[in-house]
Amino acid sequence: MKQLTSRQAGILIFFSVIALKAVVLPAIIFFLAGAGGYITIIFSLIFDFGLLLIYLWVMKNNPDKTFPQILEDAFGKTFSKIVCAIVFVYFMLKTFLIMKSVFNFFTKAVYDNMDWVYYIISTVFFLFFAINKPLRAFGRTAEVIFWIIFISINVILIITSFTMDLTTLLPLFPNGSVPIVDTGIKSAFGFGDYTILLFFMGNIKWEANTSKKIIIYAITAIGTIINFYIVFLCNFGYSVVNQNLAIADLSLYLDLSVTVSRLEWIAVFAWTMTLIIQMIMYAYCAKESLNQILPKKIQKISPFVVLLICGGVYLIISISIQVLLGFIFSYPVSIAAMIVQVLLPLLLAIAVIIKKRKENKYVSYTAKTTI
């Protein structure tokens, strides 16, 4: 039975696109690329959107097959397991990053003091409960809170747009195009938002307008993020690199009127929900990829393995958000992430083409033998 509707899949994609891009990523991108950082965001999102179209083409041609099945049909079981192992590592790193980002967000924007150990223990228990739920539960939850989050974010963007200084956007390439491209490469791990579609494959009720619905939500998310980065830069100017919690800084530290000041916390709360949902989705994807590697008899231990790694690593190695970000956005990790993000949809597309050729050869051979 299919677990997600087209709308639910689109909303989960929306959350995936916006989640991390309005917390620590803006300060990093503007630090690396200067005032032209918003151009990096635009080109990176367009590049990612191209990968989304490949995923949708693959899913349209194989609406009932999971991504390991598609790879296995074309390249064999061993190759499929190797890819799943790479995907597992990729999503574990994503889970690490967002767990630390959520903690950093809570301690800086929500709570005055928060114990790291208690946070990890409570988060691990929460994630264990969440990732054992089916995709259907994530889809329904996303539907319920979508409009709350969407309206909250856009209200704060509208309010803060009145204090914008549009001259900050010029010149378009203040330091040339090299920093823009270089930043796009270094920040690759902050993108690749559509890789969660790997685990939607075979689980979406595929209809005539499914691709259209998902694309609409993706474009809405892209527009929201681009708008956010422009508003963010035009309000803070060159001090944007010092704002490590972008959405909280934008909503809490602007000179807003008393009549709208209470709306600030609505936006902060809404973005907190997107971070938590995305943390669950990444942990779920890591669990599902591990399921594809382990024998069926012991697949029940995969949630324990994922959360033991998540909680254990953080409790044993006390690492700051700065150190983690330095590792995540280093060239080796960024290039590896980019290869994974680009290679996965291309491999799936090649697998579909190989399968079609095999089927055509079989039909042709059958026709000849029949004659």
Protein backbone atom coordinates (compact mmCIF):
# COMPACT_ATOMS: atom_id res chain seq x y z
CA MET A 1 0.00 0.00 0.00
CA LYS A 2 1.26 3.47 -0.92
CA GLN A 3 2.09 5.56 2.13
CA LEU A 4 2.23 9.12 0.77
CA THR A 5 -0.06 11.26 -1.33
CA SER A 6 1.40 13.71 -3.85
CA ARG A 7 0.56 16.61 -1.54
CA GLN A 8 2.26 15.00 1.45
CA ALA A 9 5.39 14.25 -0.57
CA GLY A 10 5.45 17.85 -1.81
CA ILE A 11 5.13 19.26 1.72
CA LEU A 12 7.94 17.05 3.03
CA ILE A 13 10.08 18.29 0.14
CA PHE A 14 9.19 21.87 1.10
CA PHE A 15 10.41 21.27 4.65
CA SER A 16 13.56 19.59 3.37
CA VAL A 17 14.46 22.61 1.22
CA ILE A 18 13.95 25.26 3.90
CA ALA A 19 14.97 23.50 7.14
CA LEU A 20 18.71 24.15 7.51
CA LYS A 21 18.97 27.10 5.15
CA ALA A 22 17.72 29.68 7.61
CA VAL A 23 19.76 28.84 10.70
CA VAL A 24 23.57 28.62 10.41
CA LEU A 25 23.93 28.40 6.62
CA PRO A 26 23.29 32.10 5.76
CA ALA A 27 26.16 33.38 7.92
CA ILE A 28 28.52 30.79 6.41
CA ILE A 29 27.53 31.53 2.83
CA PHE A 30 27.77 35.30 3.22
CA PHE A 31 31.10 34.91 5.01
CA LEU A 32 32.51 32.85 2.14
CA ALA A 33 30.92 34.68 -0.80
CA GLY A 34 30.45 38.18 0.61
CA ALA A 35 27.35 40.17 -0.27
CA GLY A 36 26.94 38.03 -3.38
CA GLY A 37 26.07 35.01 -1.25
CA TYR A 38 22.43 35.20 -2.28
CA ILE A 39 23.55 34.54 -5.88
CA THR A 40 25.21 31.33 -4.68
CA ILE A 41 21.91 30.33 -3.09
CA ILE A 42 19.98 31.02 -6.31
CA PHE A 43 22.32 28.99 -8.53
CA SER A 44 22.62 26.15 -6.00
CA LEU A 45 18.85 25.88 -5.67
CA ILE A 46 18.42 25.88 -9.46
CA PHE A 47 21.06 23.14 -9.75
CA ASP A 48 19.27 21.11 -7.07
CA PHE A 49 15.97 21.62 -8.88
CA GLY A 50 17.47 19.97 -11.96
CA LEU A 51 18.25 16.91 -9.83
CA LEU A 52 14.64 16.91 -8.60
CA LEU A 53 13.42 16.63 -12.20
CA ILE A 54 15.64 13.58 -12.71
CA TYR A 55 14.25 11.96 -9.57
CA LEU A 56 10.68 12.61 -10.71
CA TRP A 57 11.40 11.12 -14.16
CA VAL A 58 12.78 7.98 -12.52
CA MET A 59 9.80 7.73 -10.18
CA LYS A 60 7.33 8.25 -13.00
CA ASN A 61 8.88 5.34 -14.90
CA ASN A 62 9.03 3.11 -11.81
CA PRO A 63 6.13 4.16 -9.55
CA ASP A 64 6.02 0.82 -7.71
CA LYS A 65 9.73 0.19 -7.13
CA THR A 66 12.04 1.33 -4.36
CA PHE A 67 15.42 2.78 -5.23
CA PRO A 68 17.38 -0.37 -4.16
CA GLN A 69 15.13 -2.45 -6.43
CA ILE A 70 15.74 -0.12 -9.36
CA LEU A 71 19.51 -0.33 -8.87
CA GLU A 72 19.42 -4.08 -8.30
CA ASP A 73 17.53 -4.69 -11.56
CA ALA A 74 20.19 -2.87 -13.56
CA PHE A 75 23.47 -3.37 -11.66
CA GLY A 76 22.95 -6.31 -9.31
CA LYS A 77 22.37 -6.81 -5.60
CA THR A 78 25.97 -6.19 -4.48
CA PHE A 79 26.14 -2.82 -6.22
CA SER A 80 22.78 -1.84 -4.73
CA LYS A 81 24.03 -2.62 -1.21
CA ILE A 82 27.20 -0.58 -1.73
CA VAL A 83 25.11 2.43 -2.78
CA CYS A 84 22.84 1.94 0.25
CA ALA A 85 25.92 1.94 2.50
CA ILE A 86 27.05 5.27 1.01
CA VAL A 87 23.53 6.67 1.45
CA PHE A 88 23.57 5.50 5.08
CA VAL A 89 26.78 7.44 5.82
CA TYR A 90 25.39 10.50 3.99
CA PHE A 91 22.18 10.60 6.01
CA MET A 92 23.97 9.89 9.27
CA LEU A 93 26.11 13.00 8.69
CA LYS A 94 22.96 14.95 7.86
CA THR A 95 21.39 13.74 11.11
CA PHE A 96 24.50 14.73 13.08
CA LEU A 97 24.44 18.22 11.61
CA ILE A 98 20.79 18.88 12.26
CA MET A 99 20.91 17.46 15.80
CA LYS A 100 23.69 19.89 16.66
CA SER A 101 21.93 22.72 14.82
CA VAL A 102 18.71 22.13 16.76
CA PHE A 103 20.62 22.18 20.06
CA ASN A 104 22.44 25.35 19.04
CA PHE A 105 19.14 26.92 17.98
CA PHE A 106 17.47 26.01 21.28
CA THR A 107 20.31 27.32 23.46
CA LYS A 108 20.68 30.60 21.58
CA ALA A 109 17.10 31.45 20.65
CA VAL A 110 14.76 29.59 23.02
CA TYR A 111 16.41 28.59 26.31
CA ASP A 112 18.93 30.45 28.45
CA ASN A 113 20.54 27.25 29.64
CA MET A 114 20.20 23.73 28.27
CA ASP A 115 22.21 20.68 29.30
CA TRP A 116 23.78 18.94 26.30
CA VAL A 117 23.58 15.43 27.84
CA TYR A 118 19.88 15.76 28.68
CA TYR A 119 19.21 17.06 25.18
CA ILE A 120 20.94 14.09 23.53
CA ILE A 121 19.24 11.51 25.74
CA SER A 122 15.75 13.00 25.26
CA THR A 123 16.34 13.49 21.51
CA VAL A 124 17.49 9.89 21.04
CA PHE A 125 14.38 8.54 22.81
CA PHE A 126 12.17 10.87 20.78
CA LEU A 127 13.83 9.85 17.50
CA PHE A 128 13.52 6.17 18.36
CA PHE A 129 9.77 6.63 18.74
CA ALA A 130 9.50 8.75 15.57
CA ILE A 131 11.59 6.77 13.07
CA ASN A 132 9.71 3.57 13.81
CA LYS A 133 6.59 5.21 12.40
CA PRO A 134 5.67 4.71 8.71
CA LEU A 135 6.04 7.44 6.11
CA ARG A 136 2.28 7.91 6.28
CA ALA A 137 2.61 9.37 9.78
CA PHE A 138 5.20 11.91 8.61
CA GLY A 139 3.03 12.88 5.66
CA ARG A 140 -0.08 13.46 7.77
CA THR A 141 1.85 15.45 10.38
CA ALA A 142 3.38 17.60 7.63
CA GLU A 143 -0.08 18.31 6.19
CA VAL A 144 -1.41 19.45 9.57
CA ILE A 145 1.36 21.97 10.28
CA PHE A 146 2.21 23.12 6.75
CA TRP A 147 0.06 26.24 6.67
CA ILE A 148 1.11 27.26 10.19
CA ILE A 149 4.76 27.17 9.15
CA PHE A 150 4.26 28.68 5.70
CA ILE A 151 2.17 31.61 6.93
CA SER A 152 4.43 32.25 9.95
CA ILE A 153 7.58 32.43 7.83
CA ASN A 154 6.02 34.66 5.21
CA VAL A 155 4.51 37.00 7.81
CA ILE A 156 7.95 37.64 9.30
CA LEU A 157 9.42 38.14 5.81
CA ILE A 158 6.71 40.67 4.94
CA ILE A 159 7.18 42.56 8.21
CA THR A 160 10.96 42.75 7.86
CA SER A 161 10.82 43.68 4.17
CA PHE A 162 9.79 47.24 5.17
CA THR A 163 13.26 47.86 6.63
CA MET A 164 15.18 46.50 3.64
CA ASP A 165 18.01 48.40 1.98
CA LEU A 166 17.99 47.06 -1.59
CA THR A 167 21.27 48.78 -2.46
CA THR A 168 23.00 46.02 -0.44
CA LEU A 169 22.30 43.64 -3.34
CA LEU A 170 24.62 45.59 -5.63
CA PRO A 171 27.03 45.05 -7.24
CA LEU A 172 25.99 41.56 -8.30
CA PHE A 173 29.51 40.11 -8.20
CA PRO A 174 31.39 42.32 -5.72
CA ASN A 175 34.42 39.99 -5.65
CA GLY A 176 33.99 38.36 -9.03
CA SER A 177 32.39 35.01 -9.83
CA VAL A 178 35.08 32.80 -8.24
CA PRO A 179 33.88 33.22 -4.60
CA ILE A 180 30.31 32.51 -5.74
CA VAL A 181 31.28 29.19 -7.35
CA ASP A 182 33.73 28.30 -4.57
CA THR A 183 31.04 28.90 -1.94
CA GLY A 184 28.58 26.76 -3.88
CA ILE A 185 31.05 23.86 -3.73
CA LYS A 186 31.95 24.35 -0.06
CA SER A 187 28.30 24.57 1.01
CA ALA A 188 27.18 21.51 -0.98
CA PHE A 189 26.32 19.58 2.17
CA GLY A 190 23.68 22.20 2.99
CA PHE A 191 21.86 21.30 -0.23
CA GLY A 192 20.94 17.98 -1.87
CA ASP A 193 17.49 18.41 -0.37
CA TYR A 194 15.78 16.00 -2.75
CA THR A 195 17.79 12.94 -1.71
CA ILE A 196 14.95 12.09 0.70
CA LEU A 197 13.00 11.17 -2.45
CA LEU A 198 15.08 7.98 -2.51
CA PHE A 199 12.84 6.68 0.27
CA PHE A 200 9.64 8.01 -1.24
CA MET A 201 10.16 5.79 -4.29
CA GLY A 202 7.54 3.08 -4.42
CA ASN A 203 5.64 4.78 -1.59
CA ILE A 204 3.85 7.61 -3.42
CA LYS A 205 0.40 7.26 -4.93
CA TRP A 206 1.52 8.17 -8.42
CA GLU A 207 -1.12 10.06 -10.41
CA ALA A 208 -1.16 12.15 -13.57
CA ASN A 209 -0.45 15.38 -11.66
CA THR A 210 1.96 14.00 -9.04
CA SER A 211 5.07 15.51 -10.61
CA LYS A 212 3.31 18.84 -11.01
CA LYS A 213 2.26 18.97 -7.35
CA ILE A 214 5.75 18.14 -6.07
CA ILE A 215 7.31 20.71 -8.42
CA ILE A 216 4.91 23.40 -7.19
CA TYR A 217 5.89 22.78 -3.55
CA ALA A 218 9.57 22.69 -4.50
CA ILE A 219 9.33 26.01 -6.38
CA THR A 220 7.42 27.53 -3.44
CA ALA A 221 10.23 26.46 -1.09
CA ILE A 222 12.89 27.82 -3.46
CA GLY A 223 11.09 31.15 -3.70
CA THR A 224 10.69 31.32 0.09
CA ILE A 225 14.41 30.69 0.71
CA ILE A 226 15.62 33.13 -1.95
CA ASN A 227 13.29 35.76 -0.53
CA PHE A 228 14.58 35.02 2.98
CA TYR A 229 18.24 35.44 1.98
CA ILE A 230 17.54 38.71 0.19
CA VAL A 231 15.53 40.12 3.14
CA PHE A 232 18.19 38.88 5.56
CA LEU A 233 21.05 40.54 3.67
CA CYS A 234 19.15 43.77 3.03
CA ASN A 235 18.36 44.15 6.73
CA PHE A 236 21.72 43.29 8.27
CA GLY A 237 24.05 44.44 5.50
CA TYR A 238 27.67 43.41 5.98
CA SER A 239 27.06 42.38 9.60
CA VAL A 240 25.11 39.41 8.20
CA VAL A 241 28.15 37.16 8.80
CA ASN A 242 27.73 37.63 12.56
CA GLN A 243 24.14 36.36 12.63
CA ASN A 244 24.59 32.67 13.36
CA LEU A 245 20.88 31.98 13.90
CA ALA A 246 19.43 33.67 10.87
CA ILE A 247 15.68 33.21 11.37
CA ALA A 248 15.89 34.00 15.09
CA ASP A 249 18.16 37.00 14.51
CA LEU A 250 15.92 38.35 11.78
CA SER A 251 12.76 38.03 13.83
CA LEU A 252 14.06 38.96 17.28
CA TYR A 253 16.59 41.71 16.74
CA LEU A 254 14.94 43.98 14.21
CA ASP A 255 13.29 47.19 15.32
CA LEU A 256 9.70 46.05 14.95
CA SER A 257 6.67 47.87 16.20
CA VAL A 258 4.95 46.74 19.39
CA THR A 259 1.87 45.65 17.47
CA VAL A 260 3.70 42.86 15.67
CA SER A 261 6.39 41.94 18.19
CA ARG A 262 4.53 38.83 19.38
CA LEU A 263 4.62 37.42 15.85
CA GLU A 264 8.38 37.02 16.14
CA TRP A 265 8.08 33.96 18.34
CA ILE A 266 5.54 32.37 16.02
CA ALA A 267 8.15 32.40 13.24
CA VAL A 268 10.84 31.02 15.57
CA PHE A 269 8.51 28.26 16.75
CA ALA A 270 7.50 27.43 13.16
CA TRP A 271 11.11 27.08 12.05
CA THR A 272 11.87 24.93 15.08
CA MET A 273 9.20 22.51 13.90
CA THR A 274 10.77 22.31 10.44
CA LEU A 275 14.16 21.49 11.99
CA ILE A 276 12.66 18.73 14.15
CA ILE A 277 10.73 17.25 11.23
CA GLN A 278 13.85 17.26 9.10
CA MET A 279 15.91 15.66 11.85
CA ILE A 280 13.34 12.85 12.00
CA MET A 281 13.35 12.46 8.21
CA TYR A 282 17.15 12.21 8.01
CA ALA A 283 17.27 9.65 10.84
CA TYR A 284 14.46 7.72 9.15
CA CYS A 285 16.34 7.70 5.83
CA ALA A 286 19.49 6.49 7.61
CA LYS A 287 17.48 3.68 9.23
CA GLU A 288 15.89 2.64 5.94
CA SER A 289 19.22 2.61 4.10
CA LEU A 290 20.69 0.43 6.87
CA ASN A 291 17.72 -1.92 6.47
CA GLN A 292 18.77 -2.48 2.86
CA ILE A 293 22.25 -3.53 3.97
CA LEU A 294 21.35 -5.81 6.89
CA PRO A 295 19.81 -9.29 6.48
CA LYS A 296 16.05 -9.34 7.02
CA LYS A 297 16.41 -11.35 10.24
CA ILE A 298 18.20 -8.51 12.03
CA GLN A 299 16.66 -5.44 10.38
CA LYS A 300 14.80 -4.71 13.63
CA ILE A 301 18.06 -3.53 15.18
CA SER A 302 18.57 -0.75 12.58
CA PRO A 303 16.80 1.98 14.66
CA PHE A 304 18.98 1.06 17.65
CA VAL A 305 22.14 1.22 15.52
CA VAL A 306 21.27 4.62 14.04
CA LEU A 307 20.41 6.18 17.39
CA LEU A 308 23.27 4.49 19.21
CA ILE A 309 25.66 6.06 16.71
CA CYS A 310 23.93 9.46 16.90
CA GLY A 311 23.79 9.60 20.68
CA GLY A 312 27.00 7.72 21.36
CA VAL A 313 29.22 9.82 19.12
CA TYR A 314 27.94 13.09 20.57
CA LEU A 315 28.16 11.92 24.17
CA ILE A 316 31.68 10.50 23.77
CA ILE A 317 33.03 13.29 21.59
CA SER A 318 31.96 16.71 22.84
CA ILE A 319 32.18 18.71 19.63
CA SER A 320 31.22 22.34 19.15
CA ILE A 321 28.97 23.52 16.34
CA GLN A 322 31.91 25.50 14.91
CA VAL A 323 34.13 22.40 14.70
CA LEU A 324 31.34 20.32 13.17
CA LEU A 325 30.57 23.01 10.59
CA GLY A 326 34.28 23.31 9.79
CA PHE A 327 34.34 19.58 9.03
CA ILE A 328 31.03 19.51 7.14
CA PHE A 329 31.95 22.48 4.93
CA SER A 330 35.54 21.41 4.25
CA TYR A 331 36.45 20.68 0.64
CA PRO A 332 36.77 16.87 0.96
CA VAL A 333 33.38 16.45 2.66
CA SER A 334 31.69 19.01 0.40
CA ILE A 335 32.97 17.39 -2.79
CA ALA A 336 32.01 13.93 -1.49
CA ALA A 337 28.51 15.23 -0.66
CA MET A 338 28.18 16.81 -4.11
CA ILE A 339 29.22 13.55 -5.80
CA VAL A 340 26.60 11.63 -3.81
CA GLN A 341 23.89 14.21 -4.51
CA VAL A 342 24.55 14.25 -8.26
CA LEU A 343 25.52 10.62 -8.79
CA LEU A 344 22.48 9.07 -7.10
CA PRO A 345 19.80 10.47 -9.44
CA LEU A 346 22.07 9.90 -12.45
CA LEU A 347 22.63 6.26 -11.46
CA LEU A 348 18.90 5.77 -11.08
CA ALA A 349 18.27 7.38 -14.48
CA ILE A 350 20.88 5.12 -16.08
CA ALA A 351 19.29 2.11 -14.35
CA VAL A 352 15.90 3.03 -15.85
CA ILE A 353 17.43 3.38 -19.33
CA ILE A 354 19.20 -0.01 -19.00
CA LYS A 355 15.97 -1.64 -17.87
CA LYS A 356 14.06 -0.17 -20.82
CA ARG A 357 16.68 -1.42 -23.28
CA LYS A 358 16.52 -4.90 -21.79
CA GLU A 359 12.74 -4.89 -22.06
CA ASN A 360 12.89 -3.67 -25.68
CA LYS A 361 15.39 -6.39 -26.57
CA TYR A 362 13.20 -8.99 -24.90
CA VAL A 363 10.09 -7.79 -26.77
CA SER A 364 12.04 -7.74 -30.04
CA TYR A 365 13.41 -11.25 -29.43
CA THR A 366 9.96 -12.57 -28.47
CA ALA A 367 8.44 -11.08 -31.61
CA LYS A 368 11.10 -12.72 -33.81
CA THR A 369 10.73 -16.15 -32.23
CA THR A 370 6.95 -15.93 -32.52
CA ILE A 371 7.18 -15.19 -36.23
